[in-house]
Amino acid sequence: MKRSEMLCAIDKQFPTIHMECNLEGLLAFLEEQGMLPPSAVFMVDWDRWDPDRQEWYPSKERIHSHKWEPEDEE
């Protein structure tokens, strides 16, 4: 989920809240208090050392993280 999509969802769920506060400020406050962005899985390419063969080999790893999706992606 993109950060902007969360702002739209808050505005949709609580349509009058923007009269009392700035939604961007509200989301920033919630993040400062410990609210995490959605959980996502990312594939990371990196090289791993094989001690038996004494060489590096390419590897892919799934990383679980809490992160907003980039705004420039569809």
PDB file of N, CA and C in Angstrom:
ATOM      1  N   MET A   1       0.844  -1.167   0.000  1.00  0.00           N
ATOM      2  CA  MET A   1       0.000   0.000   0.000  1.00  0.00           C
ATOM      3  C   MET A   1       0.892   1.233   0.000  1.00  0.00           C
ATOM      4  N   LYS A   2       0.524   2.188  -0.828  1.00  0.00           N
ATOM      5  CA  LYS A   2       1.245   3.449  -0.881  1.00  0.00           C
ATOM      6  C   LYS A   2       0.775   4.339   0.270  1.00  0.00           C
ATOM      7  N   ARG A   3       1.661   5.230   0.687  1.00  0.00           N
ATOM      8  CA  ARG A   3       1.317   6.150   1.768  1.00  0.00           C
ATOM      9  C   ARG A   3       0.117   7.007   1.361  1.00  0.00           C
ATOM     10  N   SER A   4       0.097   7.445   0.112  1.00  0.00           N
ATOM     11  CA  SER A   4      -1.010   8.278  -0.373  1.00  0.00           C
ATOM     12  C   SER A   4      -2.336   7.504  -0.365  1.00  0.00           C
ATOM     13  N   GLU A   5      -2.275   6.191  -0.611  1.00  0.00           N
ATOM     14  CA  GLU A   5      -3.489   5.373  -0.559  1.00  0.00           C
ATOM     15  C   GLU A   5      -4.026   5.291   0.870  1.00  0.00           C
ATOM     16  N   MET A   6      -3.122   5.247   1.849  1.00  0.00           N
ATOM     17  CA  MET A   6      -3.552   5.240   3.246  1.00  0.00           C
ATOM     18  C   MET A   6      -4.212   6.560   3.600  1.00  0.00           C
ATOM     19  N   LEU A   7      -3.652   7.666   3.122  1.00  0.00           N
ATOM     20  CA  LEU A   7      -4.255   8.974   3.388  1.00  0.00           C
ATOM     21  C   LEU A   7      -5.663   9.047   2.796  1.00  0.00           C
ATOM     22  N   CYS A   8      -5.840   8.524   1.583  1.00  0.00           N
ATOM     23  CA  CYS A   8      -7.176   8.496   0.957  1.00  0.00           C
ATOM     24  C   CYS A   8      -8.133   7.604   1.749  1.00  0.00           C
ATOM     25  N   ALA A   9      -7.637   6.469   2.245  1.00  0.00           N
ATOM     26  CA  ALA A   9      -8.477   5.555   3.018  1.00  0.00           C
ATOM     27  C   ALA A   9      -8.932   6.204   4.329  1.00  0.00           C
ATOM     28  N   ILE A  10      -8.025   6.935   4.981  1.00  0.00           N
ATOM     29  CA  ILE A  10      -8.402   7.649   6.211  1.00  0.00           C
ATOM     30  C   ILE A  10      -9.457   8.691   5.894  1.00  0.00           C
ATOM     31  N   ASP A  11      -9.266   9.431   4.823  1.00  0.00           N
ATOM     32  CA  ASP A  11     -10.213  10.472   4.429  1.00  0.00           C
ATOM     33  C   ASP A  11     -11.576   9.873   4.094  1.00  0.00           C
ATOM     34  N   LYS A  12     -11.582   8.709   3.465  1.00  0.00           N
ATOM     35  CA  LYS A  12     -12.836   8.050   3.094  1.00  0.00           C
ATOM     36  C   LYS A  12     -13.568   7.518   4.334  1.00  0.00           C
ATOM     37  N   GLN A  13     -12.805   6.931   5.256  1.00  0.00           N
ATOM     38  CA  GLN A  13     -13.393   6.350   6.464  1.00  0.00           C
ATOM     39  C   GLN A  13     -13.876   7.423   7.444  1.00  0.00           C
ATOM     40  N   PHE A  14     -13.123   8.519   7.502  1.00  0.00           N
ATOM     41  CA  PHE A  14     -13.439   9.616   8.426  1.00  0.00           C
ATOM     42  C   PHE A  14     -13.491  10.922   7.627  1.00  0.00           C
ATOM     43  N   PRO A  15     -14.565  11.143   6.856  1.00  0.00           N
ATOM     44  CA  PRO A  15     -14.607  12.260   5.905  1.00  0.00           C
ATOM     45  C   PRO A  15     -14.478  13.655   6.510  1.00  0.00           C
ATOM     46  N   THR A  16     -14.770  13.830   7.765  1.00  0.00           N
ATOM     47  CA  THR A  16     -14.688  15.182   8.340  1.00  0.00           C
ATOM     48  C   THR A  16     -13.420  15.416   9.145  1.00  0.00           C
ATOM     49  N   ILE A  17     -12.574  14.400   9.274  1.00  0.00           N
ATOM     50  CA  ILE A  17     -11.382  14.544  10.111  1.00  0.00           C
ATOM     51  C   ILE A  17     -10.429  15.598   9.559  1.00  0.00           C
ATOM     52  N   HIS A  18     -10.400  15.776   8.228  1.00  0.00           N
ATOM     53  CA  HIS A  18      -9.474  16.761   7.659  1.00  0.00           C
ATOM     54  C   HIS A  18      -9.866  18.189   8.024  1.00  0.00           C
ATOM     55  N   MET A  19     -11.091  18.385   8.541  1.00  0.00           N
ATOM     56  CA  MET A  19     -11.484  19.716   9.013  1.00  0.00           C
ATOM     57  C   MET A  19     -10.798  20.040  10.336  1.00  0.00           C
ATOM     58  N   GLU A  20     -10.469  18.993  11.095  1.00  0.00           N
ATOM     59  CA  GLU A  20      -9.849  19.187  12.402  1.00  0.00           C
ATOM     60  C   GLU A  20      -8.328  19.086  12.355  1.00  0.00           C
ATOM     61  N   CYS A  21      -7.799  18.314  11.411  1.00  0.00           N
ATOM     62  CA  CYS A  21      -6.346  18.155  11.350  1.00  0.00           C
ATOM     63  C   CYS A  21      -5.914  17.861   9.919  1.00  0.00           C
ATOM     64  N   ASN A  22      -4.619  18.026   9.705  1.00  0.00           N
ATOM     65  CA  ASN A  22      -4.008  17.713   8.420  1.00  0.00           C
ATOM     66  C   ASN A  22      -3.775  16.202   8.367  1.00  0.00           C
ATOM     67  N   LEU A  23      -4.278  15.534   7.343  1.00  0.00           N
ATOM     68  CA  LEU A  23      -4.147  14.072   7.277  1.00  0.00           C
ATOM     69  C   LEU A  23      -2.691  13.626   7.191  1.00  0.00           C
ATOM     70  N   GLU A  24      -1.890  14.368   6.465  1.00  0.00           N
ATOM     71  CA  GLU A  24      -0.460  14.041   6.373  1.00  0.00           C
ATOM     72  C   GLU A  24       0.175  14.121   7.760  1.00  0.00           C
ATOM     73  N   GLY A  25      -0.166  15.159   8.505  1.00  0.00           N
ATOM     74  CA  GLY A  25       0.341  15.313   9.865  1.00  0.00           C
ATOM     75  C   GLY A  25      -0.150  14.208  10.786  1.00  0.00           C
ATOM     76  N   LEU A  26      -1.421  13.810  10.615  1.00  0.00           N
ATOM     77  CA  LEU A  26      -1.983  12.719  11.415  1.00  0.00           C
ATOM     78  C   LEU A  26      -1.219  11.421  11.174  1.00  0.00           C
ATOM     79  N   LEU A  27      -0.973  11.105   9.906  1.00  0.00           N
ATOM     80  CA  LEU A  27      -0.258   9.865   9.585  1.00  0.00           C
ATOM     81  C   LEU A  27       1.181   9.925  10.106  1.00  0.00           C
ATOM     82  N   ALA A  28       1.821  11.077   9.971  1.00  0.00           N
ATOM     83  CA  ALA A  28       3.187  11.239  10.497  1.00  0.00           C
ATOM     84  C   ALA A  28       3.188  11.038  12.019  1.00  0.00           C
ATOM     85  N   PHE A  29       2.194  11.587  12.707  1.00  0.00           N
ATOM     86  CA  PHE A  29       2.089  11.415  14.157  1.00  0.00           C
ATOM     87  C   PHE A  29       1.922   9.936  14.517  1.00  0.00           C
ATOM     88  N   LEU A  30       1.037   9.239  13.803  1.00  0.00           N
ATOM     89  CA  LEU A  30       0.811   7.817  14.085  1.00  0.00           C
ATOM     90  C   LEU A  30       2.085   7.003  13.880  1.00  0.00           C
ATOM     91  N   GLU A  31       2.848   7.324  12.838  1.00  0.00           N
ATOM     92  CA  GLU A  31       4.112   6.622  12.593  1.00  0.00           C
ATOM     93  C   GLU A  31       5.119   6.908  13.715  1.00  0.00           C
ATOM     94  N   GLU A  32       5.148   8.160  14.187  1.00  0.00           N
ATOM     95  CA  GLU A  32       6.049   8.510  15.297  1.00  0.00           C
ATOM     96  C   GLU A  32       5.688   7.748  16.570  1.00  0.00           C
ATOM     97  N   GLN A  33       4.409   7.429  16.728  1.00  0.00           N
ATOM     98  CA  GLN A  33       3.952   6.713  17.917  1.00  0.00           C
ATOM     99  C   GLN A  33       4.176   5.210  17.810  1.00  0.00           C
ATOM    100  N   GLY A  34       4.641   4.733  16.654  1.00  0.00           N
ATOM    101  CA  GLY A  34       4.969   3.318  16.507  1.00  0.00           C
ATOM    102  C   GLY A  34       4.120   2.550  15.515  1.00  0.00           C
ATOM    103  N   MET A  35       3.152   3.206  14.853  1.00  0.00           N
ATOM    104  CA  MET A  35       2.364   2.511  13.836  1.00  0.00           C
ATOM    105  C   MET A  35       3.285   2.141  12.669  1.00  0.00           C
ATOM    106  N   LEU A  36       3.238   0.902  12.268  1.00  0.00           N
ATOM    107  CA  LEU A  36       4.079   0.437  11.173  1.00  0.00           C
ATOM    108  C   LEU A  36       3.323   0.475   9.856  1.00  0.00           C
ATOM    109  N   PRO A  37       4.020   0.743   8.749  1.00  0.00           N
ATOM    110  CA  PRO A  37       3.402   0.578   7.438  1.00  0.00           C
ATOM    111  C   PRO A  37       3.035  -0.895   7.229  1.00  0.00           C
ATOM    112  N   PRO A  38       2.287  -1.208   6.169  1.00  0.00           N
ATOM    113  CA  PRO A  38       1.898  -2.593   5.923  1.00  0.00           C
ATOM    114  C   PRO A  38       3.109  -3.516   5.749  1.00  0.00           C
ATOM    115  N   SER A  39       2.914  -4.772   6.090  1.00  0.00           N
ATOM    116  CA  SER A  39       3.953  -5.775   5.903  1.00  0.00           C
ATOM    117  C   SER A  39       4.029  -6.129   4.423  1.00  0.00           C
ATOM    118  N   ALA A  40       5.231  -6.285   3.934  1.00  0.00           N
ATOM    119  CA  ALA A  40       5.424  -6.633   2.528  1.00  0.00           C
ATOM    120  C   ALA A  40       6.590  -7.607   2.409  1.00  0.00           C
ATOM    121  N   VAL A  41       6.611  -8.350   1.315  1.00  0.00           N
ATOM    122  CA  VAL A  41       7.697  -9.283   1.038  1.00  0.00           C
ATOM    123  C   VAL A  41       8.466  -8.760  -0.164  1.00  0.00           C
ATOM    124  N   PHE A  42       9.763  -8.678  -0.023  1.00  0.00           N
ATOM    125  CA  PHE A  42      10.627  -8.202  -1.090  1.00  0.00           C
ATOM    126  C   PHE A  42      11.635  -9.281  -1.434  1.00  0.00           C
ATOM    127  N   MET A  43      11.937  -9.413  -2.714  1.00  0.00           N
ATOM    128  CA  MET A  43      12.988 -10.330  -3.147  1.00  0.00           C
ATOM    129  C   MET A  43      14.282  -9.529  -3.272  1.00  0.00           C
ATOM    130  N   VAL A  44      15.344 -10.032  -2.644  1.00  0.00           N
ATOM    131  CA  VAL A  44      16.636  -9.360  -2.668  1.00  0.00           C
ATOM    132  C   VAL A  44      17.639 -10.278  -3.334  1.00  0.00           C
ATOM    133  N   ASP A  45      18.353  -9.734  -4.320  1.00  0.00           N
ATOM    134  CA  ASP A  45      19.435 -10.471  -4.978  1.00  0.00           C
ATOM    135  C   ASP A  45      20.752 -10.073  -4.305  1.00  0.00           C
ATOM    136  N   TRP A  46      21.525 -11.059  -3.941  1.00  0.00           N
ATOM    137  CA  TRP A  46      22.827 -10.774  -3.386  1.00  0.00           C
ATOM    138  C   TRP A  46      23.722 -11.988  -3.542  1.00  0.00           C
ATOM    139  N   ASP A  47      25.016 -11.796  -3.335  1.00  0.00           N
ATOM    140  CA  ASP A  47      25.978 -12.895  -3.450  1.00  0.00           C
ATOM    141  C   ASP A  47      26.235 -13.482  -2.076  1.00  0.00           C
ATOM    142  N   ARG A  48      26.349 -14.792  -2.061  1.00  0.00           N
ATOM    143  CA  ARG A  48      26.564 -15.513  -0.807  1.00  0.00           C
ATOM    144  C   ARG A  48      27.873 -16.306  -0.911  1.00  0.00           C
ATOM    145  N   TRP A  49      28.590 -16.394   0.171  1.00  0.00           N
ATOM    146  CA  TRP A  49      29.861 -17.124   0.198  1.00  0.00           C
ATOM    147  C   TRP A  49      29.619 -18.586   0.539  1.00  0.00           C
ATOM    148  N   ASP A  50      30.161 -19.487  -0.291  1.00  0.00           N
ATOM    149  CA  ASP A  50      30.082 -20.920  -0.021  1.00  0.00           C
ATOM    150  C   ASP A  50      31.443 -21.365   0.523  1.00  0.00           C
ATOM    151  N   PRO A  51      31.533 -21.646   1.817  1.00  0.00           N
ATOM    152  CA  PRO A  51      32.836 -22.003   2.399  1.00  0.00           C
ATOM    153  C   PRO A  51      33.390 -23.330   1.873  1.00  0.00           C
ATOM    154  N   ASP A  52      32.505 -24.249   1.474  1.00  0.00           N
ATOM    155  CA  ASP A  52      32.991 -25.539   0.959  1.00  0.00           C
ATOM    156  C   ASP A  52      33.661 -25.381  -0.397  1.00  0.00           C
ATOM    157  N   ARG A  53      33.026 -24.597  -1.277  1.00  0.00           N
ATOM    158  CA  ARG A  53      33.588 -24.402  -2.620  1.00  0.00           C
ATOM    159  C   ARG A  53      34.550 -23.221  -2.678  1.00  0.00           C
ATOM    160  N   GLN A  54      34.605 -22.441  -1.592  1.00  0.00           N
ATOM    161  CA  GLN A  54      35.469 -21.261  -1.531  1.00  0.00           C
ATOM    162  C   GLN A  54      35.185 -20.300  -2.686  1.00  0.00           C
ATOM    163  N   GLU A  55      33.893 -20.036  -2.897  1.00  0.00           N
ATOM    164  CA  GLU A  55      33.524 -19.080  -3.946  1.00  0.00           C
ATOM    165  C   GLU A  55      32.189 -18.425  -3.618  1.00  0.00           C
ATOM    166  N   TRP A  56      31.936 -17.330  -4.301  1.00  0.00           N
ATOM    167  CA  TRP A  56      30.674 -16.616  -4.163  1.00  0.00           C
ATOM    168  C   TRP A  56      29.676 -17.162  -5.171  1.00  0.00           C
ATOM    169  N   TYR A  57      28.410 -17.183  -4.815  1.00  0.00           N
ATOM    170  CA  TYR A  57      27.380 -17.592  -5.760  1.00  0.00           C
ATOM    171  C   TYR A  57      26.158 -16.694  -5.582  1.00  0.00           C
ATOM    172  N   PRO A  58      25.413 -16.476  -6.670  1.00  0.00           N
ATOM    173  CA  PRO A  58      24.240 -15.603  -6.580  1.00  0.00           C
ATOM    174  C   PRO A  58      23.136 -16.265  -5.756  1.00  0.00           C
ATOM    175  N   SER A  59      22.407 -15.449  -5.045  1.00  0.00           N
ATOM    176  CA  SER A  59      21.343 -15.958  -4.190  1.00  0.00           C
ATOM    177  C   SER A  59      20.179 -14.974  -4.194  1.00  0.00           C
ATOM    178  N   LYS A  60      18.992 -15.492  -3.996  1.00  0.00           N
ATOM    179  CA  LYS A  60      17.801 -14.670  -3.829  1.00  0.00           C
ATOM    180  C   LYS A  60      17.238 -14.965  -2.448  1.00  0.00           C
ATOM    181  N   GLU A  61      16.738 -13.939  -1.820  1.00  0.00           N
ATOM    182  CA  GLU A  61      16.182 -14.133  -0.488  1.00  0.00           C
ATOM    183  C   GLU A  61      14.914 -13.300  -0.347  1.00  0.00           C
ATOM    184  N   ARG A  62      13.934 -13.882   0.318  1.00  0.00           N
ATOM    185  CA  ARG A  62      12.687 -13.163   0.607  1.00  0.00           C
ATOM    186  C   ARG A  62      12.863 -12.430   1.926  1.00  0.00           C
ATOM    187  N   ILE A  63      12.634 -11.143   1.894  1.00  0.00           N
ATOM    188  CA  ILE A  63      12.754 -10.312   3.088  1.00  0.00           C
ATOM    189  C   ILE A  63      11.362  -9.798   3.450  1.00  0.00           C
ATOM    190  N   HIS A  64      10.969  -9.987   4.691  1.00  0.00           N
ATOM    191  CA  HIS A  64       9.711  -9.437   5.196  1.00  0.00           C
ATOM    192  C   HIS A  64      10.028  -8.119   5.888  1.00  0.00           C
ATOM    193  N   SER A  65       9.301  -7.088   5.498  1.00  0.00           N
ATOM    194  CA  SER A  65       9.574  -5.766   6.046  1.00  0.00           C
ATOM    195  C   SER A  65       8.278  -4.964   6.125  1.00  0.00           C
ATOM    196  N   HIS A  66       8.281  -3.933   6.927  1.00  0.00           N
ATOM    197  CA  HIS A  66       7.161  -3.002   6.996  1.00  0.00           C
ATOM    198  C   HIS A  66       7.593  -1.744   6.265  1.00  0.00           C
ATOM    199  N   LYS A  67       6.945  -1.485   5.129  1.00  0.00           N
ATOM    200  CA  LYS A  67       7.411  -0.403   4.281  1.00  0.00           C
ATOM    201  C   LYS A  67       6.281   0.049   3.366  1.00  0.00           C
ATOM    202  N   TRP A  68       6.190   1.359   3.141  1.00  0.00           N
ATOM    203  CA  TRP A  68       5.227   1.873   2.174  1.00  0.00           C
ATOM    204  C   TRP A  68       5.734   1.570   0.774  1.00  0.00           C
ATOM    205  N   GLU A  69       4.820   1.248  -0.141  1.00  0.00           N
ATOM    206  CA  GLU A  69       5.209   1.048  -1.534  1.00  0.00           C
ATOM    207  C   GLU A  69       5.628   2.406  -2.113  1.00  0.00           C
ATOM    208  N   PRO A  70       6.570   2.409  -3.049  1.00  0.00           N
ATOM    209  CA  PRO A  70       6.965   3.667  -3.682  1.00  0.00           C
ATOM    210  C   PRO A  70       5.762   4.315  -4.390  1.00  0.00           C
ATOM    211  N   GLU A  71       5.685   5.616  -4.336  1.00  0.00           N
ATOM    212  CA  GLU A  71       4.563   6.344  -4.925  1.00  0.00           C
ATOM    213  C   GLU A  71       4.572   6.281  -6.454  1.00  0.00           C
ATOM    214  N   ASP A  72       5.740   6.058  -7.056  1.00  0.00           N
ATOM    215  CA  ASP A  72       5.824   6.080  -8.518  1.00  0.00           C
ATOM    216  C   ASP A  72       5.424   4.770  -9.170  1.00  0.00           C
ATOM    217  N   GLU A  73       5.154   3.717  -8.371  1.00  0.00           N
ATOM    218  CA  GLU A  73       4.706   2.442  -8.929  1.00  0.00           C
ATOM    219  C   GLU A  73       3.186   2.415  -9.013  1.00  0.00           C
ATOM    220  N   GLU A  74       2.665   1.727 -10.026  1.00  0.00           N
ATOM    221  CA  GLU A  74       1.199   1.591 -10.191  1.00  0.00           C
ATOM    222  C   GLU A  74       0.663   0.514  -9.310  1.00  0.00           C
TER     223      GLU A  74
END
